[in-house]
Amino acid sequence: MNPKKVITFLSLIVITLCAIAGCSFFSPTIEQTIKPIASSSIPTVKQENIQLTVSAAASLKDALGEISLVYSKAKSNVALRNNFGSSGDLQQQIINGAPVDVFISAAAKQMDELQKKDLIVADTRRDLLSNRLVLIVPADKDDARELKDLTSASITRIAIGDPRSVPAGQYAEQVLTKLELLQDVRSKFVLVNNVRQVLQFVESGNAQVGIVYATDAKTSTKVKVVQVIDAKLHKPIVYPIAVLQKSINQTTAKSYLEFLSSEPAKTIFEKHGFSPL
């Protein structure tokens, strides 16, 4: 028999036998070779919990406290730790190595000093808020009605933030200097560590008058505002904000900065008397 015919004949036999036995000449499909993956075997990515430390001027305590609650609901994996004090004291803490992610001061001076030392991420710096300065007295007293009354012999204790570290005290000095009252009233000063302490001194009667931010006066029913001080008498009151260079959570810190400029945050700031910029 012709060899080619023999090969063809044998091939036909093999094909016939495979057809009977259910053989396949084709490679299995991908679906046949890959086993389904059980959903329980897919690894889940766990959100990392982050603590963000925010050092902020004491006058921001109530507003940032409320904002923190709103932010924590939106970012459940971020725990905010607010550290309040005078802007000058907070500045020194940062210079001395305190682990801070975000700084909000009540004046440009403290932020300028940190920027000179390359301690902030410069392109994150912005002016967040503005405020007004007011003269307050205890709610049941009328020892003073305006700044000029501070020279009266009946006024012996005037509470202001220590100008060496407290922006509100620095603004107060600028006002009294502009009105040519500073030398006459300096001996009456009760200097305290932050603007909230000025409020407390007037509330308790340990000071007859005080100079605070309008936002601080708004928090108390124990004092009353007798004069809103003309903004032309002092440098503009601004609250600059920035992320710190040594922050280990810079991405989250930048996200927090953006949140503070969002509409929900602006609404809260305005509720507490601040003017968002």
Foldseek 3Di string as FASTA:
>chain_A
DPPVVVVVVVVVVVVVVCVVVVHDPDDDDPVVPDDDDDPVPDDDDDDAAEEAEEEEEQLCVVLVVVVQVVVCVVVVSYHYHYHYFALQVVLVCVVVPNAHFKYKHFDVVSVVVCVVVVFFPVVLKDWWWFFFKFKKAFPPDPQDQDPVSLLPPVFQAEEEEDCVGHVQNVQVCLLCVLVVNCVSRVNSYDYDGHQLVNVVCRLVVVGGMYMHTPLSVVVDPGMDTNGTDDPVSGDTGTIMMTTTPPHPPNVVSSVVSVVCNDPVSCVSCVVSPIHTD
